[in-house]
Amino acid sequence: MPVRPLSLAFRAALIAALATLFYARTIDFAFAYDDDLVVLRNPAVTGHAWGAIATAPYHQGPDVRTPSGLYRPLTLWSLAANHVLSADRPWSYHLANVLLHAAAAALVLVCGEAVGLSALAATAGAAVFAIHPVHVEAVANVSGRAELLATLGFLGSFLAFARSPDSSPRAGSAPQHLPPRRTRSRSSPSPRPGRRCVRWRRDLPDAGASHP
């Protein structure tokens, strides 16, 4: 009896579960490094200033000495929602980061198959993405929320492009961004490479000749 291949949705769920399981221990972590400045001492987050966040800078508060100029309203909105849920307790912030990373890992799988990778190759690549240690800083630190959201935004836009009907050129048509191919007239054939070498060598001075 032939074995039916696993569906894309089922494999995406497995990848998301793998990423969640691998980073689940971070849910018990405390705030660290920039988390205190971005969350606990950020009046837009702790004050749930939903409307003001739309025009507020990312780093703000009395402890910010030099304005960074960063504008990340979606990140601040998500952190403010976490503050509504758990106030100064960090578990909900870390849980949100883990779930965002799990969603990104599942999107890597879907994007891989959207560009033509086999089911095995796309699944293997997504699994490596899910457990790769390069993501530790973004997932384990609450302040890494911006990187996770940016990753989701990029993967979502890439998937939309890959699935759009205009993403691949039609059969027999040249891509629009390439210049037209030049054709050489039969009446003026290009010289042979051998003739070019002979002419070039004739123009060179004799190696044994003396020069003033």
Foldseek 3Di string as FASTA:
>chain_A
DDDDDDDLVVLLVVLLVLLCVLQVVLLQPAADDCRCQQAVQDCCQLVVVLPVLQPDARGDHPPDDDGPRHRDSVLSNVSSVQCVVPNRGRNSLLVVLSNLLSNLLSLQLLLCVLQPDDNVVSSVVSNCSSNPPVCCVLRSHSVSVSVSVVSVVVSVVSSVLSPDPPNDDDPPDDDPVDDDDDDDDPVDDDDDPVVVVVVVVVPDDDPPDDDD
